[in-house]
């Protein structure tokens, strides 16, 4: 039996220079098995930062999820590096 729970987690508030800053993250928890002998996996990703300035105005700054872009860039870079290494080895063998 698996149970998936999604919610928001906040860190803060932190007061700096007259501003109050709070980090908000999306949290996903997956619980597998029964309550006594189950496994728990928790994943948290930053969602946005809330800033409350001295005048009481609230600003929300979104945080983009760059994890997928970084993984794709690493995979493409690795494939390009492997191809370049093969080409270099073939050239060395011909000489």
PDB file of N, CA and C in Angstrom:
ATOM      1  N   UNK A   1       0.841  -1.170   0.000  1.00  0.00           N
ATOM      2  CA  UNK A   1       0.000   0.000   0.000  1.00  0.00           C
ATOM      3  C   UNK A   1       0.887   1.234   0.000  1.00  0.00           C
ATOM      4  N   UNK A   2       0.634   2.165  -0.930  1.00  0.00           N
ATOM      5  CA  UNK A   2       1.432   3.384  -1.028  1.00  0.00           C
ATOM      6  C   UNK A   2       0.540   4.596  -0.808  1.00  0.00           C
ATOM      7  N   UNK A   3       1.063   5.535  -0.096  1.00  0.00           N
ATOM      8  CA  UNK A   3       0.338   6.781   0.146  1.00  0.00           C
ATOM      9  C   UNK A   3       1.226   7.951  -0.256  1.00  0.00           C
ATOM     10  N   UNK A   4       0.716   8.816  -1.112  1.00  0.00           N
ATOM     11  CA  UNK A   4       1.452   9.972  -1.590  1.00  0.00           C
ATOM     12  C   UNK A   4       0.819  11.226  -0.990  1.00  0.00           C
ATOM     13  N   UNK A   5       1.630  12.023  -0.325  1.00  0.00           N
ATOM     14  CA  UNK A   5       1.161  13.258   0.296  1.00  0.00           C
ATOM     15  C   UNK A   5       1.962  14.421  -0.267  1.00  0.00           C
ATOM     16  N   UNK A   6       1.254  15.470  -0.686  1.00  0.00           N
ATOM     17  CA  UNK A   6       1.909  16.671  -1.198  1.00  0.00           C
ATOM     18  C   UNK A   6       1.500  17.854  -0.339  1.00  0.00           C
ATOM     19  N   UNK A   7       2.446  18.736  -0.142  1.00  0.00           N
ATOM     20  CA  UNK A   7       2.158  19.924   0.655  1.00  0.00           C
ATOM     21  C   UNK A   7       3.246  20.955   0.499  1.00  0.00           C
ATOM     22  N   UNK A   8       3.180  21.980   1.317  1.00  0.00           N
ATOM     23  CA  UNK A   8       4.185  23.032   1.310  1.00  0.00           C
ATOM     24  C   UNK A   8       4.867  23.090   2.660  1.00  0.00           C
ATOM     25  N   UNK A   9       6.158  23.322   2.614  1.00  0.00           N
ATOM     26  CA  UNK A   9       6.966  23.462   3.810  1.00  0.00           C
ATOM     27  C   UNK A   9       7.561  24.857   3.801  1.00  0.00           C
ATOM     28  N   UNK A  10       7.562  25.529   4.928  1.00  0.00           N
ATOM     29  CA  UNK A  10       8.140  26.869   4.995  1.00  0.00           C
ATOM     30  C   UNK A  10       9.341  26.870   5.928  1.00  0.00           C
ATOM     31  N   UNK A  11      10.300  27.682   5.557  1.00  0.00           N
ATOM     32  CA  UNK A  11      11.475  27.905   6.392  1.00  0.00           C
ATOM     33  C   UNK A  11      11.517  29.400   6.664  1.00  0.00           C
ATOM     34  N   UNK A  12      11.496  29.759   7.913  1.00  0.00           N
ATOM     35  CA  UNK A  12      11.511  31.166   8.235  1.00  0.00           C
ATOM     36  C   UNK A  12      10.366  31.477   9.174  1.00  0.00           C
ATOM     37  N   UNK A  13      10.013  32.664   9.355  1.00  0.00           N
ATOM     38  CA  UNK A  13      10.537  33.848   8.695  1.00  0.00           C
ATOM     39  C   UNK A  13      11.887  34.291   9.268  1.00  0.00           C
ATOM     40  N   UNK A  14      12.645  34.950   8.418  1.00  0.00           N
ATOM     41  CA  UNK A  14      13.950  35.475   8.781  1.00  0.00           C
ATOM     42  C   UNK A  14      13.911  36.983   8.562  1.00  0.00           C
ATOM     43  N   UNK A  15      14.239  37.760   9.587  1.00  0.00           N
ATOM     44  CA  UNK A  15      14.202  39.217   9.491  1.00  0.00           C
ATOM     45  C   UNK A  15      15.588  39.748   9.159  1.00  0.00           C
ATOM     46  N   UNK A  16      15.681  40.478   8.042  1.00  0.00           N
ATOM     47  CA  UNK A  16      16.942  41.081   7.610  1.00  0.00           C
ATOM     48  C   UNK A  16      16.680  42.499   7.117  1.00  0.00           C
ATOM     49  N   UNK A  17      17.304  43.472   7.736  1.00  0.00           N
ATOM     50  CA  UNK A  17      17.220  44.849   7.268  1.00  0.00           C
ATOM     51  C   UNK A  17      15.806  45.390   7.144  1.00  0.00           C
ATOM     52  N   UNK A  18      14.927  45.061   8.048  1.00  0.00           N
ATOM     53  CA  UNK A  18      13.559  45.550   7.999  1.00  0.00           C
ATOM     54  C   UNK A  18      12.641  44.728   7.114  1.00  0.00           C
ATOM     55  N   UNK A  19      13.165  43.687   6.507  1.00  0.00           N
ATOM     56  CA  UNK A  19      12.356  42.810   5.657  1.00  0.00           C
ATOM     57  C   UNK A  19      12.227  41.447   6.309  1.00  0.00           C
ATOM     58  N   UNK A  20      11.111  40.804   6.062  1.00  0.00           N
ATOM     59  CA  UNK A  20      10.879  39.453   6.550  1.00  0.00           C
ATOM     60  C   UNK A  20      10.889  38.516   5.340  1.00  0.00           C
ATOM     61  N   UNK A  21      11.741  37.505   5.393  1.00  0.00           N
ATOM     62  CA  UNK A  21      11.920  36.592   4.264  1.00  0.00           C
ATOM     63  C   UNK A  21      11.511  35.187   4.694  1.00  0.00           C
ATOM     64  N   UNK A  22      10.705  34.526   3.855  1.00  0.00           N
ATOM     65  CA  UNK A  22      10.258  33.157   4.106  1.00  0.00           C
ATOM     66  C   UNK A  22      10.467  32.333   2.849  1.00  0.00           C
ATOM     67  N   UNK A  23      11.118  31.183   2.981  1.00  0.00           N
ATOM     68  CA  UNK A  23      11.306  30.261   1.865  1.00  0.00           C
ATOM     69  C   UNK A  23      10.199  29.222   1.908  1.00  0.00           C
ATOM     70  N   UNK A  24       9.545  29.013   0.782  1.00  0.00           N
ATOM     71  CA  UNK A  24       8.456  28.037   0.681  1.00  0.00           C
ATOM     72  C   UNK A  24       8.883  26.962  -0.306  1.00  0.00           C
ATOM     73  N   UNK A  25       8.741  25.704   0.106  1.00  0.00           N
ATOM     74  CA  UNK A  25       9.131  24.574  -0.738  1.00  0.00           C
ATOM     75  C   UNK A  25       7.958  23.623  -0.915  1.00  0.00           C
ATOM     76  N   UNK A  26       7.895  22.988  -2.091  1.00  0.00           N
ATOM     77  CA  UNK A  26       6.905  21.937  -2.320  1.00  0.00           C
ATOM     78  C   UNK A  26       7.486  20.636  -1.804  1.00  0.00           C
ATOM     79  N   UNK A  27       6.724  19.943  -1.004  1.00  0.00           N
ATOM     80  CA  UNK A  27       7.191  18.704  -0.401  1.00  0.00           C
ATOM     81  C   UNK A  27       6.293  17.554  -0.836  1.00  0.00           C
ATOM     82  N   UNK A  28       6.929  16.459  -1.251  1.00  0.00           N
ATOM     83  CA  UNK A  28       6.211  15.250  -1.628  1.00  0.00           C
ATOM     84  C   UNK A  28       6.731  14.124  -0.752  1.00  0.00           C
ATOM     85  N   UNK A  29       5.832  13.428  -0.078  1.00  0.00           N
ATOM     86  CA  UNK A  29       6.215  12.309   0.779  1.00  0.00           C
ATOM     87  C   UNK A  29       5.516  11.055   0.269  1.00  0.00           C
ATOM     88  N   UNK A  30       6.282   9.994   0.109  1.00  0.00           N
ATOM     89  CA  UNK A  30       5.752   8.714  -0.341  1.00  0.00           C
ATOM     90  C   UNK A  30       5.991   7.698   0.760  1.00  0.00           C
ATOM     91  N   UNK A  31       4.910   7.091   1.234  1.00  0.00           N
ATOM     92  CA  UNK A  31       5.010   6.095   2.289  1.00  0.00           C
ATOM     93  C   UNK A  31       4.619   4.742   1.712  1.00  0.00           C
ATOM     94  N   UNK A  32       5.530   3.783   1.806  1.00  0.00           N
ATOM     95  CA  UNK A  32       5.291   2.431   1.298  1.00  0.00           C
ATOM     96  C   UNK A  32       5.201   1.449   2.455  1.00  0.00           C
ATOM     97  N   UNK A  33       4.271   0.536   2.390  1.00  0.00           N
ATOM     98  CA  UNK A  33       4.136  -0.478   3.429  1.00  0.00           C
ATOM     99  C   UNK A  33       3.177  -0.041   4.520  1.00  0.00           C
ATOM    100  N   UNK A  34       3.170  -0.831   5.593  1.00  0.00           N
ATOM    101  CA  UNK A  34       2.274  -0.496   6.703  1.00  0.00           C
ATOM    102  C   UNK A  34       2.956   0.498   7.643  1.00  0.00           C
ATOM    103  N   UNK A  35       2.245   0.945   8.644  1.00  0.00           N
ATOM    104  CA  UNK A  35       2.768   1.981   9.533  1.00  0.00           C
ATOM    105  C   UNK A  35       3.974   1.523  10.343  1.00  0.00           C
ATOM    106  N   UNK A  36       4.005   0.266  10.728  1.00  0.00           N
ATOM    107  CA  UNK A  36       5.075  -0.202  11.593  1.00  0.00           C
ATOM    108  C   UNK A  36       6.369  -0.495  10.839  1.00  0.00           C
ATOM    109  N   UNK A  37       6.266  -1.086   9.668  1.00  0.00           N
ATOM    110  CA  UNK A  37       7.454  -1.468   8.919  1.00  0.00           C
ATOM    111  C   UNK A  37       7.375  -0.927   7.502  1.00  0.00           C
ATOM    112  N   UNK A  38       7.277   0.338   7.375  1.00  0.00           N
ATOM    113  CA  UNK A  38       7.162   0.951   6.064  1.00  0.00           C
ATOM    114  C   UNK A  38       8.377   1.792   5.727  1.00  0.00           C
ATOM    115  N   UNK A  39       8.488   2.126   4.454  1.00  0.00           N
ATOM    116  CA  UNK A  39       9.562   2.995   3.989  1.00  0.00           C
ATOM    117  C   UNK A  39       8.975   4.369   3.697  1.00  0.00           C
ATOM    118  N   UNK A  40       9.756   5.393   3.935  1.00  0.00           N
ATOM    119  CA  UNK A  40       9.308   6.759   3.727  1.00  0.00           C
ATOM    120  C   UNK A  40      10.334   7.471   2.865  1.00  0.00           C
ATOM    121  N   UNK A  41       9.875   8.085   1.785  1.00  0.00           N
ATOM    122  CA  UNK A  41      10.745   8.877   0.906  1.00  0.00           C
ATOM    123  C   UNK A  41      10.171  10.285   0.838  1.00  0.00           C
ATOM    124  N   UNK A  42      10.988  11.268   1.158  1.00  0.00           N
ATOM    125  CA  UNK A  42      10.542  12.659   1.156  1.00  0.00           C
ATOM    126  C   UNK A  42      11.409  13.446   0.187  1.00  0.00           C
ATOM    127  N   UNK A  43      10.760  14.233  -0.663  1.00  0.00           N
ATOM    128  CA  UNK A  43      11.482  15.078  -1.606  1.00  0.00           C
ATOM    129  C   UNK A  43      10.931  16.485  -1.497  1.00  0.00           C
ATOM    130  N   UNK A  44      11.816  17.458  -1.411  1.00  0.00           N
ATOM    131  CA  UNK A  44      11.407  18.838  -1.259  1.00  0.00           C
ATOM    132  C   UNK A  44      12.145  19.691  -2.278  1.00  0.00           C
ATOM    133  N   UNK A  45      11.394  20.565  -2.977  1.00  0.00           N
ATOM    134  CA  UNK A  45      11.972  21.469  -3.967  1.00  0.00           C
ATOM    135  C   UNK A  45      11.530  22.893  -3.655  1.00  0.00           C
ATOM    136  N   UNK A  46      12.438  23.855  -3.777  1.00  0.00           N
ATOM    137  CA  UNK A  46      12.055  25.245  -3.529  1.00  0.00           C
ATOM    138  C   UNK A  46      10.976  25.696  -4.514  1.00  0.00           C
ATOM    139  N   UNK A  47       9.980  26.396  -4.036  1.00  0.00           N
ATOM    140  CA  UNK A  47       8.896  26.885  -4.894  1.00  0.00           C
ATOM    141  C   UNK A  47       8.990  28.399  -5.074  1.00  0.00           C
ATOM    142  N   UNK A  48       9.046  29.132  -3.973  1.00  0.00           N
ATOM    143  CA  UNK A  48       9.153  30.581  -4.054  1.00  0.00           C
ATOM    144  C   UNK A  48       9.639  31.159  -2.728  1.00  0.00           C
ATOM    145  N   UNK A  49      10.022  32.425  -2.793  1.00  0.00           N
ATOM    146  CA  UNK A  49      10.452  33.166  -1.613  1.00  0.00           C
ATOM    147  C   UNK A  49       9.461  34.311  -1.416  1.00  0.00           C
ATOM    148  N   UNK A  50       8.953  34.445  -0.201  1.00  0.00           N
ATOM    149  CA  UNK A  50       8.043  35.538   0.137  1.00  0.00           C
ATOM    150  C   UNK A  50       8.825  36.591   0.915  1.00  0.00           C
ATOM    151  N   UNK A  51       8.718  37.832   0.452  1.00  0.00           N
ATOM    152  CA  UNK A  51       9.408  38.943   1.103  1.00  0.00           C
ATOM    153  C   UNK A  51       8.361  39.961   1.532  1.00  0.00           C
ATOM    154  N   UNK A  52       8.361  40.294   2.815  1.00  0.00           N
ATOM    155  CA  UNK A  52       7.470  41.310   3.361  1.00  0.00           C
ATOM    156  C   UNK A  52       8.343  42.510   3.721  1.00  0.00           C
ATOM    157  N   UNK A  53       8.157  43.629   2.989  1.00  0.00           N
ATOM    158  CA  UNK A  53       9.032  44.778   3.231  1.00  0.00           C
ATOM    159  C   UNK A  53       8.542  45.630   4.398  1.00  0.00           C
ATOM    160  N   UNK A  54       9.256  46.727   4.659  1.00  0.00           N
ATOM    161  CA  UNK A  54       8.967  47.577   5.815  1.00  0.00           C
ATOM    162  C   UNK A  54       7.575  48.199   5.762  1.00  0.00           C
ATOM    163  N   UNK A  55       7.068  48.434   4.551  1.00  0.00           N
ATOM    164  CA  UNK A  55       5.755  49.072   4.379  1.00  0.00           C
ATOM    165  C   UNK A  55       4.612  48.071   4.428  1.00  0.00           C
ATOM    166  N   UNK A  56       4.908  46.799   4.614  1.00  0.00           N
ATOM    167  CA  UNK A  56       3.870  45.779   4.695  1.00  0.00           C
ATOM    168  C   UNK A  56       3.475  45.186   3.355  1.00  0.00           C
ATOM    169  N   UNK A  57       4.202  45.557   2.288  1.00  0.00           N
ATOM    170  CA  UNK A  57       3.909  44.985   0.972  1.00  0.00           C
ATOM    171  C   UNK A  57       4.563  43.618   0.844  1.00  0.00           C
ATOM    172  N   UNK A  58       3.823  42.694   0.265  1.00  0.00           N
ATOM    173  CA  UNK A  58       4.294  41.313   0.104  1.00  0.00           C
ATOM    174  C   UNK A  58       4.731  41.100  -1.336  1.00  0.00           C
ATOM    175  N   UNK A  59       5.945  40.583  -1.506  1.00  0.00           N
ATOM    176  CA  UNK A  59       6.484  40.268  -2.830  1.00  0.00           C
ATOM    177  C   UNK A  59       6.771  38.774  -2.864  1.00  0.00           C
ATOM    178  N   UNK A  60       6.404  38.136  -3.962  1.00  0.00           N
ATOM    179  CA  UNK A  60       6.664  36.705  -4.141  1.00  0.00           C
ATOM    180  C   UNK A  60       7.628  36.550  -5.306  1.00  0.00           C
ATOM    181  N   UNK A  61       8.752  35.895  -5.050  1.00  0.00           N
ATOM    182  CA  UNK A  61       9.760  35.650  -6.076  1.00  0.00           C
ATOM    183  C   UNK A  61       9.763  34.157  -6.364  1.00  0.00           C
ATOM    184  N   UNK A  62       9.359  33.772  -7.563  1.00  0.00           N
ATOM    185  CA  UNK A  62       9.313  32.360  -7.960  1.00  0.00           C
ATOM    186  C   UNK A  62      10.722  31.828  -8.173  1.00  0.00           C
ATOM    187  N   UNK A  63      10.925  30.578  -7.824  1.00  0.00           N
ATOM    188  CA  UNK A  63      12.194  29.891  -8.051  1.00  0.00           C
ATOM    189  C   UNK A  63      11.941  28.837  -9.109  1.00  0.00           C
ATOM    190  N   UNK A  64      12.636  28.928 -10.201  1.00  0.00           N
ATOM    191  CA  UNK A  64      12.452  27.975 -11.286  1.00  0.00           C
ATOM    192  C   UNK A  64      13.147  26.666 -10.957  1.00  0.00           C
ATOM    193  N   UNK A  65      12.534  25.587 -11.399  1.00  0.00           N
ATOM    194  CA  UNK A  65      13.103  24.263 -11.193  1.00  0.00           C
ATOM    195  C   UNK A  65      14.114  24.012 -12.306  1.00  0.00           C
ATOM    196  N   UNK A  66      15.392  24.018 -11.969  1.00  0.00           N
ATOM    197  CA  UNK A  66      16.442  23.860 -12.968  1.00  0.00           C
ATOM    198  C   UNK A  66      17.020  22.447 -12.974  1.00  0.00           C
ATOM    199  N   UNK A  67      16.492  21.573 -12.143  1.00  0.00           N
ATOM    200  CA  UNK A  67      17.049  20.223 -12.028  1.00  0.00           C
ATOM    201  C   UNK A  67      16.978  19.469 -13.346  1.00  0.00           C
ATOM    202  N   UNK A  68      15.845  19.503 -14.027  1.00  0.00           N
ATOM    203  CA  UNK A  68      15.697  18.768 -15.278  1.00  0.00           C
ATOM    204  C   UNK A  68      16.626  19.330 -16.355  1.00  0.00           C
ATOM    205  N   UNK A  69      16.767  20.648 -16.410  1.00  0.00           N
ATOM    206  CA  UNK A  69      17.664  21.265 -17.387  1.00  0.00           C
ATOM    207  C   UNK A  69      19.117  20.884 -17.115  1.00  0.00           C
ATOM    208  N   UNK A  70      19.506  20.841 -15.839  1.00  0.00           N
ATOM    209  CA  UNK A  70      20.876  20.441 -15.509  1.00  0.00           C
ATOM    210  C   UNK A  70      21.144  18.985 -15.870  1.00  0.00           C
ATOM    211  N   UNK A  71      20.191  18.117 -15.599  1.00  0.00           N
ATOM    212  CA  UNK A  71      20.364  16.700 -15.940  1.00  0.00           C
ATOM    213  C   UNK A  71      20.482  16.537 -17.454  1.00  0.00           C
ATOM    214  N   UNK A  72      19.656  17.243 -18.217  1.00  0.00           N
ATOM    215  CA  UNK A  72      19.731  17.173 -19.681  1.00  0.00           C
ATOM    216  C   UNK A  72      21.071  17.706 -20.181  1.00  0.00           C
ATOM    217  N   UNK A  73      21.554  18.810 -19.612  1.00  0.00           N
ATOM    218  CA  UNK A  73      22.841  19.376 -20.023  1.00  0.00           C
ATOM    219  C   UNK A  73      23.985  18.423 -19.713  1.00  0.00           C
ATOM    220  N   UNK A  74      23.943  17.758 -18.586  1.00  0.00           N
ATOM    221  CA  UNK A  74      24.984  16.792 -18.233  1.00  0.00           C
ATOM    222  C   UNK A  74      24.954  15.606 -19.183  1.00  0.00           C
ATOM    223  N   UNK A  75      23.760  15.112 -19.509  1.00  0.00           N
ATOM    224  CA  UNK A  75      23.643  13.981 -20.427  1.00  0.00           C
ATOM    225  C   UNK A  75      24.150  14.347 -21.824  1.00  0.00           C
ATOM    226  N   UNK A  76      23.780  15.521 -22.320  1.00  0.00           N
ATOM    227  CA  UNK A  76      24.237  15.960 -23.640  1.00  0.00           C
ATOM    228  C   UNK A  76      25.744  16.175 -23.645  1.00  0.00           C
ATOM    229  N   UNK A  77      26.274  16.780 -22.588  1.00  0.00           N
ATOM    230  CA  UNK A  77      27.719  16.977 -22.485  1.00  0.00           C
ATOM    231  C   UNK A  77      28.476  15.668 -22.425  1.00  0.00           C
ATOM    232  N   UNK A  78      27.931  14.694 -21.711  1.00  0.00           N
ATOM    233  CA  UNK A  78      28.580  13.380 -21.628  1.00  0.00           C
ATOM    234  C   UNK A  78      28.578  12.678 -22.981  1.00  0.00           C
ATOM    235  N   UNK A  79      27.460  12.742 -23.691  1.00  0.00           N
ATOM    236  CA  UNK A  79      27.386  12.120 -25.019  1.00  0.00           C
ATOM    237  C   UNK A  79      28.348  12.799 -25.985  1.00  0.00           C
ATOM    238  N   UNK A  80      28.423  14.120 -25.954  1.00  0.00           N
ATOM    239  CA  UNK A  80      29.343  14.850 -26.823  1.00  0.00           C
ATOM    240  C   UNK A  80      30.793  14.520 -26.480  1.00  0.00           C
ATOM    241  N   UNK A  81      31.095  14.413 -25.193  1.00  0.00           N
ATOM    242  CA  UNK A  81      32.453  14.053 -24.778  1.00  0.00           C
ATOM    243  C   UNK A  81      32.833  12.654 -25.215  1.00  0.00           C
ATOM    244  N   UNK A  82      31.897  11.706 -25.119  1.00  0.00           N
ATOM    245  CA  UNK A  82      32.175  10.334 -25.560  1.00  0.00           C
ATOM    246  C   UNK A  82      32.407  10.283 -27.064  1.00  0.00           C
ATOM    247  N   UNK A  83      31.598  11.023 -27.822  1.00  0.00           N
ATOM    248  CA  UNK A  83      31.796  11.064 -29.281  1.00  0.00           C
ATOM    249  C   UNK A  83      33.143  11.689 -29.635  1.00  0.00           C
ATOM    250  N   UNK A  84      33.495  12.779 -28.969  1.00  0.00           N
ATOM    251  CA  UNK A  84      34.777  13.437 -29.226  1.00  0.00           C
ATOM    252  C   UNK A  84      35.946  12.509 -28.885  1.00  0.00           C
ATOM    253  N   UNK A  85      35.825  11.751 -27.819  1.00  0.00           N
ATOM    254  CA  UNK A  85      36.884  10.820 -27.427  1.00  0.00           C
ATOM    255  C   UNK A  85      37.031   9.711 -28.459  1.00  0.00           C
ATOM    256  N   UNK A  86      35.935   9.185 -28.977  1.00  0.00           N
ATOM    257  CA  UNK A  86      35.992   8.149 -30.014  1.00  0.00           C
ATOM    258  C   UNK A  86      36.648   8.672 -31.280  1.00  0.00           C
ATOM    259  N   UNK A  87      36.274   9.885 -31.676  1.00  0.00           N
ATOM    260  CA  UNK A  87      36.871  10.477 -32.883  1.00  0.00           C
ATOM    261  C   UNK A  87      38.366  10.671 -32.687  1.00  0.00           C
ATOM    262  N   UNK A  88      38.769  11.144 -31.513  1.00  0.00           N
ATOM    263  CA  UNK A  88      40.193  11.353 -31.237  1.00  0.00           C
ATOM    264  C   UNK A  88      40.943  10.029 -31.243  1.00  0.00           C
ATOM    265  N   UNK A  89      40.375   8.974 -30.700  1.00  0.00           N
ATOM    266  CA  UNK A  89      41.040   7.663 -30.694  1.00  0.00           C
ATOM    267  C   UNK A  89      41.170   7.099 -32.105  1.00  0.00           C
ATOM    268  N   UNK A  90      40.156   7.274 -32.933  1.00  0.00           N
ATOM    269  CA  UNK A  90      40.223   6.791 -34.317  1.00  0.00           C
ATOM    270  C   UNK A  90      41.298   7.527 -35.093  1.00  0.00           C
ATOM    271  N   UNK A  91      41.421   8.809 -34.870  1.00  0.00           N
ATOM    272  CA  UNK A  91      42.471   9.588 -35.554  1.00  0.00           C
ATOM    273  C   UNK A  91      43.849   9.119 -35.106  1.00  0.00           C
ATOM    274  N   UNK A  92      44.013   8.812 -33.835  1.00  0.00           N
ATOM    275  CA  UNK A  92      45.305   8.353 -33.327  1.00  0.00           C
ATOM    276  C   UNK A  92      45.656   6.995 -33.904  1.00  0.00           C
ATOM    277  N   UNK A  93      44.668   6.123 -34.091  1.00  0.00           N
ATOM    278  CA  UNK A  93      44.902   4.787 -34.650  1.00  0.00           C
ATOM    279  C   UNK A  93      45.313   4.861 -36.110  1.00  0.00           C
ATOM    280  N   UNK A  94      44.804   5.830 -36.862  1.00  0.00           N
ATOM    281  CA  UNK A  94      45.124   5.984 -38.273  1.00  0.00           C
ATOM    282  C   UNK A  94      46.543   6.487 -38.465  1.00  0.00           C
ATOM    283  N   UNK A  95      47.056   7.216 -37.528  1.00  0.00           N
ATOM    284  CA  UNK A  95      48.392   7.789 -37.675  1.00  0.00           C
ATOM    285  C   UNK A  95      49.447   6.846 -37.298  1.00  0.00           C
TER     286      UNK A  95
END
